[in-house]
Amino acid sequence: MVNVEIRPIQHRGKSQIGLFFKYDEKLKNQLKELGYVFSQTHRCWYIENNDENKRKLLQTLGSSVQMRVNKENISFLKNNTNLRSNLSDHVQNELKEFESYLQSVRYGPRTIQVYMDLARLFLGYYKHKKIEEITNDDVERFNYEVIIKRNYSSSYQRQLLGVLKLLFERKKGVKIDPDTLMRPR
């Protein structure tokens, strides 16, 4: 499996998605078919940074390469993917309440931003369910369908589970038991 580092770049006056990896003929041909172009300046393959290209990247390459995204750059890749769009009013209210909770227990602004992004990703996946209807099985399904299939790191997975524990342990009437959520080895 090819290791690919993904990061935003500025090229030819536009925001681009840059893919950095050791030469691999098969991956090079895949990228050409998807419309990527090689930049001699940045020594990477790139395509315009937009939601459609982000979705294509995650869907088509997610299972065939090992993706790496720096913590500084992770929000550029995920912020506007379809999991976070069109959230119901109920989910948006839950997120506002969770953000208020994080502020009240004095988490730092950057930590709150990261935790909210993770909570938004998870709740966006189940945007048609009320938080009280989400079960441990739903967490396992999300873990496999999103975290594992997209090759997110085990540290990202651990951080997500920590956020879910915070989110669910303070809620009454939920079906999920935060203490039974298993962290990866």
C-alpha atoms as a PDB file:
ATOM      1  CA  MET A   1       0.000   0.000   0.000  1.00  0.00           C
ATOM      2  CA  VAL A   2       1.326   3.428  -0.973  1.00  0.00           C
ATOM      3  CA  ASN A   3       1.730   6.094   1.713  1.00  0.00           C
ATOM      4  CA  VAL A   4       0.286   9.408   0.525  1.00  0.00           C
ATOM      5  CA  GLU A   5       0.599  12.700   2.364  1.00  0.00           C
ATOM      6  CA  ILE A   6      -2.267  15.077   1.623  1.00  0.00           C
ATOM      7  CA  ARG A   7      -1.936  18.798   2.157  1.00  0.00           C
ATOM      8  CA  PRO A   8      -3.294  22.036   0.769  1.00  0.00           C
ATOM      9  CA  ILE A   9      -1.012  23.960  -1.562  1.00  0.00           C
ATOM     10  CA  GLN A  10      -1.208  27.242  -3.442  1.00  0.00           C
ATOM     11  CA  HIS A  11      -0.362  26.687  -7.088  1.00  0.00           C
ATOM     12  CA  ARG A  12      -0.971  28.908 -10.110  1.00  0.00           C
ATOM     13  CA  GLY A  13      -2.879  31.350  -7.903  1.00  0.00           C
ATOM     14  CA  LYS A  14      -5.410  28.782  -6.676  1.00  0.00           C
ATOM     15  CA  SER A  15      -5.945  26.572  -3.656  1.00  0.00           C
ATOM     16  CA  GLN A  16      -5.100  22.984  -4.607  1.00  0.00           C
ATOM     17  CA  ILE A  17      -5.088  19.536  -2.980  1.00  0.00           C
ATOM     18  CA  GLY A  18      -1.514  18.239  -3.076  1.00  0.00           C
ATOM     19  CA  LEU A  19      -0.662  14.518  -2.930  1.00  0.00           C
ATOM     20  CA  PHE A  20       2.923  13.663  -1.983  1.00  0.00           C
ATOM     21  CA  PHE A  21       4.212  10.076  -2.310  1.00  0.00           C
ATOM     22  CA  LYS A  22       7.135   7.978  -3.552  1.00  0.00           C
ATOM     23  CA  TYR A  23       6.774   7.164  -7.222  1.00  0.00           C
ATOM     24  CA  ASP A  24       4.154   4.516  -7.946  1.00  0.00           C
ATOM     25  CA  GLU A  25       3.134   3.857 -11.566  1.00  0.00           C
ATOM     26  CA  LYS A  26      -0.320   2.470 -10.738  1.00  0.00           C
ATOM     27  CA  LEU A  27      -1.217   5.407  -8.464  1.00  0.00           C
ATOM     28  CA  LYS A  28       0.177   7.890 -11.007  1.00  0.00           C
ATOM     29  CA  ASN A  29      -2.122   6.466 -13.691  1.00  0.00           C
ATOM     30  CA  GLN A  30      -5.124   6.524 -11.322  1.00  0.00           C
ATOM     31  CA  LEU A  31      -4.487  10.178 -10.532  1.00  0.00           C
ATOM     32  CA  LYS A  32      -4.171  11.084 -14.211  1.00  0.00           C
ATOM     33  CA  GLU A  33      -7.569   9.463 -14.865  1.00  0.00           C
ATOM     34  CA  LEU A  34      -9.055  11.554 -12.025  1.00  0.00           C
ATOM     35  CA  GLY A  35      -7.696  14.786 -13.510  1.00  0.00           C
ATOM     36  CA  TYR A  36      -4.645  15.315 -11.269  1.00  0.00           C
ATOM     37  CA  VAL A  37      -1.618  17.103 -12.734  1.00  0.00           C
ATOM     38  CA  PHE A  38       2.009  16.851 -11.624  1.00  0.00           C
ATOM     39  CA  SER A  39       3.642  20.025 -10.289  1.00  0.00           C
ATOM     40  CA  GLN A  40       7.405  20.285 -10.819  1.00  0.00           C
ATOM     41  CA  THR A  41       7.428  23.261  -8.433  1.00  0.00           C
ATOM     42  CA  HIS A  42       5.860  21.404  -5.496  1.00  0.00           C
ATOM     43  CA  ARG A  43       6.992  17.907  -6.569  1.00  0.00           C
ATOM     44  CA  CYS A  44       3.487  16.507  -6.064  1.00  0.00           C
ATOM     45  CA  TRP A  45       0.268  15.632  -7.874  1.00  0.00           C
ATOM     46  CA  TYR A  46      -2.491  18.203  -7.438  1.00  0.00           C
ATOM     47  CA  ILE A  47      -6.080  19.061  -8.280  1.00  0.00           C
ATOM     48  CA  GLU A  48      -8.296  22.037  -7.475  1.00  0.00           C
ATOM     49  CA  ASN A  49      -9.338  22.190  -3.818  1.00  0.00           C
ATOM     50  CA  ASN A  50     -13.135  21.879  -3.843  1.00  0.00           C
ATOM     51  CA  ASP A  51     -15.742  19.683  -2.159  1.00  0.00           C
ATOM     52  CA  GLU A  52     -16.300  17.462  -5.203  1.00  0.00           C
ATOM     53  CA  ASN A  53     -12.579  16.698  -5.551  1.00  0.00           C
ATOM     54  CA  LYS A  54     -12.323  16.006  -1.801  1.00  0.00           C
ATOM     55  CA  ARG A  55     -15.183  13.521  -2.051  1.00  0.00           C
ATOM     56  CA  LYS A  56     -13.646  11.848  -5.118  1.00  0.00           C
ATOM     57  CA  LEU A  57     -10.305  11.610  -3.348  1.00  0.00           C
ATOM     58  CA  LEU A  58     -11.787   9.903  -0.285  1.00  0.00           C
ATOM     59  CA  GLN A  59     -14.086   7.618  -2.292  1.00  0.00           C
ATOM     60  CA  THR A  60     -11.698   6.469  -5.012  1.00  0.00           C
ATOM     61  CA  LEU A  61      -8.356   6.356  -3.219  1.00  0.00           C
ATOM     62  CA  GLY A  62      -9.488   5.833   0.376  1.00  0.00           C
ATOM     63  CA  SER A  63      -9.177   2.054   0.296  1.00  0.00           C
ATOM     64  CA  SER A  64      -6.159   1.725  -2.031  1.00  0.00           C
ATOM     65  CA  VAL A  65      -3.635   4.036  -0.314  1.00  0.00           C
ATOM     66  CA  GLN A  66      -2.551   4.908   3.225  1.00  0.00           C
ATOM     67  CA  MET A  67      -3.460   8.586   3.611  1.00  0.00           C
ATOM     68  CA  ARG A  68      -1.667  10.902   6.019  1.00  0.00           C
ATOM     69  CA  VAL A  69      -2.882  14.381   6.879  1.00  0.00           C
ATOM     70  CA  ASN A  70      -1.077  16.651   9.358  1.00  0.00           C
ATOM     71  CA  LYS A  71      -3.142  17.861  12.321  1.00  0.00           C
ATOM     72  CA  GLU A  72      -2.776  21.416  10.991  1.00  0.00           C
ATOM     73  CA  ASN A  73      -4.279  20.364   7.654  1.00  0.00           C
ATOM     74  CA  ILE A  74      -6.956  17.865   8.691  1.00  0.00           C
ATOM     75  CA  SER A  75      -9.794  20.389   8.705  1.00  0.00           C
ATOM     76  CA  PHE A  76      -9.020  21.458   5.112  1.00  0.00           C
ATOM     77  CA  LEU A  77      -9.834  17.952   3.916  1.00  0.00           C
ATOM     78  CA  LYS A  78     -12.882  17.221   6.017  1.00  0.00           C
ATOM     79  CA  ASN A  79     -14.679  20.447   6.850  1.00  0.00           C
ATOM     80  CA  ASN A  80     -17.090  20.433   3.949  1.00  0.00           C
ATOM     81  CA  THR A  81     -17.525  16.776   3.111  1.00  0.00           C
ATOM     82  CA  ASN A  82     -21.066  15.506   2.815  1.00  0.00           C
ATOM     83  CA  LEU A  83     -21.098  14.051   6.345  1.00  0.00           C
ATOM     84  CA  ARG A  84     -21.101  17.551   7.788  1.00  0.00           C
ATOM     85  CA  SER A  85     -23.584  19.161   5.458  1.00  0.00           C
ATOM     86  CA  ASN A  86     -27.316  19.649   5.876  1.00  0.00           C
ATOM     87  CA  LEU A  87     -27.407  18.860   9.585  1.00  0.00           C
ATOM     88  CA  SER A  88     -30.880  18.779  11.115  1.00  0.00           C
ATOM     89  CA  ASP A  89     -31.929  21.438  13.605  1.00  0.00           C
ATOM     90  CA  HIS A  90     -31.870  18.784  16.326  1.00  0.00           C
ATOM     91  CA  VAL A  91     -28.224  17.906  15.555  1.00  0.00           C
ATOM     92  CA  GLN A  92     -27.232  21.572  15.344  1.00  0.00           C
ATOM     93  CA  ASN A  93     -28.801  22.189  18.765  1.00  0.00           C
ATOM     94  CA  GLU A  94     -26.898  19.209  20.199  1.00  0.00           C
ATOM     95  CA  LEU A  95     -23.664  20.596  18.787  1.00  0.00           C
ATOM     96  CA  LYS A  96     -24.291  24.069  20.242  1.00  0.00           C
ATOM     97  CA  GLU A  97     -25.032  22.503  23.623  1.00  0.00           C
ATOM     98  CA  PHE A  98     -21.853  20.395  23.426  1.00  0.00           C
ATOM     99  CA  GLU A  99     -19.779  23.453  22.498  1.00  0.00           C
ATOM    100  CA  SER A 100     -21.215  25.375  25.465  1.00  0.00           C
ATOM    101  CA  TYR A 101     -20.327  22.455  27.725  1.00  0.00           C
ATOM    102  CA  LEU A 102     -16.722  22.372  26.437  1.00  0.00           C
ATOM    103  CA  GLN A 103     -16.401  26.121  27.007  1.00  0.00           C
ATOM    104  CA  SER A 104     -17.870  25.883  30.512  1.00  0.00           C
ATOM    105  CA  VAL A 105     -15.319  23.267  31.589  1.00  0.00           C
ATOM    106  CA  ARG A 106     -12.564  25.497  30.162  1.00  0.00           C
ATOM    107  CA  TYR A 107     -11.228  23.552  27.186  1.00  0.00           C
ATOM    108  CA  GLY A 108      -8.955  25.680  25.003  1.00  0.00           C
ATOM    109  CA  PRO A 109     -10.224  27.210  21.736  1.00  0.00           C
ATOM    110  CA  ARG A 110      -8.173  24.844  19.527  1.00  0.00           C
ATOM    111  CA  THR A 111      -9.305  21.781  21.492  1.00  0.00           C
ATOM    112  CA  ILE A 112     -12.918  22.906  21.223  1.00  0.00           C
ATOM    113  CA  GLN A 113     -12.526  23.368  17.477  1.00  0.00           C
ATOM    114  CA  VAL A 114     -11.084  19.853  17.047  1.00  0.00           C
ATOM    115  CA  TYR A 115     -13.682  18.244  19.343  1.00  0.00           C
ATOM    116  CA  MET A 116     -16.536  20.023  17.586  1.00  0.00           C
ATOM    117  CA  ASP A 117     -15.221  18.918  14.199  1.00  0.00           C
ATOM    118  CA  LEU A 118     -15.134  15.299  15.388  1.00  0.00           C
ATOM    119  CA  ALA A 119     -18.608  15.509  16.945  1.00  0.00           C
ATOM    120  CA  ARG A 120     -19.949  17.118  13.745  1.00  0.00           C
ATOM    121  CA  LEU A 121     -18.427  14.316  11.655  1.00  0.00           C
ATOM    122  CA  PHE A 122     -20.034  11.609  13.786  1.00  0.00           C
ATOM    123  CA  LEU A 123     -23.434  13.252  14.237  1.00  0.00           C
ATOM    124  CA  GLY A 124     -23.455  14.202  10.554  1.00  0.00           C
ATOM    125  CA  TYR A 125     -23.168  10.525   9.677  1.00  0.00           C
ATOM    126  CA  TYR A 126     -26.344   9.883  11.696  1.00  0.00           C
ATOM    127  CA  LYS A 127     -27.983  13.218  10.884  1.00  0.00           C
ATOM    128  CA  HIS A 128     -31.426  11.630  10.546  1.00  0.00           C
ATOM    129  CA  LYS A 129     -31.287  10.020  14.002  1.00  0.00           C
ATOM    130  CA  LYS A 130     -31.830  11.767  17.287  1.00  0.00           C
ATOM    131  CA  ILE A 131     -28.876  11.520  19.625  1.00  0.00           C
ATOM    132  CA  GLU A 132     -31.010   9.442  22.011  1.00  0.00           C
ATOM    133  CA  GLU A 133     -31.448   6.778  19.287  1.00  0.00           C
ATOM    134  CA  ILE A 134     -27.736   6.236  18.592  1.00  0.00           C
ATOM    135  CA  THR A 135     -26.354   2.932  19.918  1.00  0.00           C
ATOM    136  CA  ASN A 136     -22.954   1.317  20.442  1.00  0.00           C
ATOM    137  CA  ASP A 137     -23.608  -0.649  17.219  1.00  0.00           C
ATOM    138  CA  ASP A 138     -23.908   2.678  15.393  1.00  0.00           C
ATOM    139  CA  VAL A 139     -20.494   3.702  16.750  1.00  0.00           C
ATOM    140  CA  GLU A 140     -18.987   0.413  15.527  1.00  0.00           C
ATOM    141  CA  ARG A 141     -20.597   0.867  12.102  1.00  0.00           C
ATOM    142  CA  PHE A 142     -19.298   4.451  11.865  1.00  0.00           C
ATOM    143  CA  ASN A 143     -15.862   3.289  12.941  1.00  0.00           C
ATOM    144  CA  TYR A 144     -15.726   0.756  10.125  1.00  0.00           C
ATOM    145  CA  GLU A 145     -17.492   2.751   7.384  1.00  0.00           C
ATOM    146  CA  VAL A 146     -15.727   6.067   7.987  1.00  0.00           C
ATOM    147  CA  ILE A 147     -12.588   5.669  10.104  1.00  0.00           C
ATOM    148  CA  ILE A 148     -11.301   2.308   8.833  1.00  0.00           C
ATOM    149  CA  LYS A 149     -12.399   2.582   5.181  1.00  0.00           C
ATOM    150  CA  ARG A 150     -10.899   6.073   4.878  1.00  0.00           C
ATOM    151  CA  ASN A 151      -7.672   4.903   6.539  1.00  0.00           C
ATOM    152  CA  TYR A 152      -7.710   7.472   9.323  1.00  0.00           C
ATOM    153  CA  SER A 153      -5.012   6.900  11.936  1.00  0.00           C
ATOM    154  CA  SER A 154      -5.576   5.022  15.184  1.00  0.00           C
ATOM    155  CA  SER A 155      -4.794   8.231  17.113  1.00  0.00           C
ATOM    156  CA  TYR A 156      -7.596  10.001  15.196  1.00  0.00           C
ATOM    157  CA  GLN A 157      -9.886   7.086  16.068  1.00  0.00           C
ATOM    158  CA  ARG A 158      -8.915   7.288  19.765  1.00  0.00           C
ATOM    159  CA  GLN A 159      -9.551  11.023  19.797  1.00  0.00           C
ATOM    160  CA  LEU A 160     -12.976  10.520  18.207  1.00  0.00           C
ATOM    161  CA  LEU A 161     -13.930   7.932  20.831  1.00  0.00           C
ATOM    162  CA  GLY A 162     -12.827  10.318  23.574  1.00  0.00           C
ATOM    163  CA  VAL A 163     -15.074  13.002  22.123  1.00  0.00           C
ATOM    164  CA  LEU A 164     -18.004  10.563  21.886  1.00  0.00           C
ATOM    165  CA  LYS A 165     -17.535   9.603  25.524  1.00  0.00           C
ATOM    166  CA  LEU A 166     -17.671  13.284  26.506  1.00  0.00           C
ATOM    167  CA  LEU A 167     -20.680  13.863  24.277  1.00  0.00           C
ATOM    168  CA  PHE A 168     -22.729  10.896  25.494  1.00  0.00           C
ATOM    169  CA  GLU A 169     -21.793  10.585  29.183  1.00  0.00           C
ATOM    170  CA  ARG A 170     -23.387  13.933  30.011  1.00  0.00           C
ATOM    171  CA  LYS A 171     -26.656  13.144  28.184  1.00  0.00           C
ATOM    172  CA  LYS A 172     -29.582  11.461  29.913  1.00  0.00           C
ATOM    173  CA  GLY A 173     -31.794   8.934  28.130  1.00  0.00           C
ATOM    174  CA  VAL A 174     -29.239   7.816  25.557  1.00  0.00           C
ATOM    175  CA  LYS A 175     -28.931   4.194  24.410  1.00  0.00           C
ATOM    176  CA  ILE A 176     -25.164   4.340  24.172  1.00  0.00           C
ATOM    177  CA  ASP A 177     -22.925   3.289  27.046  1.00  0.00           C
ATOM    178  CA  PRO A 178     -19.782   5.461  26.808  1.00  0.00           C
ATOM    179  CA  ASP A 179     -17.819   3.190  29.179  1.00  0.00           C
ATOM    180  CA  THR A 180     -18.046   0.276  26.738  1.00  0.00           C
ATOM    181  CA  LEU A 181     -16.611   2.162  23.755  1.00  0.00           C
ATOM    182  CA  MET A 182     -13.380   0.329  22.909  1.00  0.00           C
ATOM    183  CA  ARG A 183     -10.304   2.281  21.893  1.00  0.00           C
ATOM    184  CA  PRO A 184      -8.000   0.792  19.219  1.00  0.00           C
ATOM    185  CA  ARG A 185      -4.852  -1.013  20.278  1.00  0.00           C
END
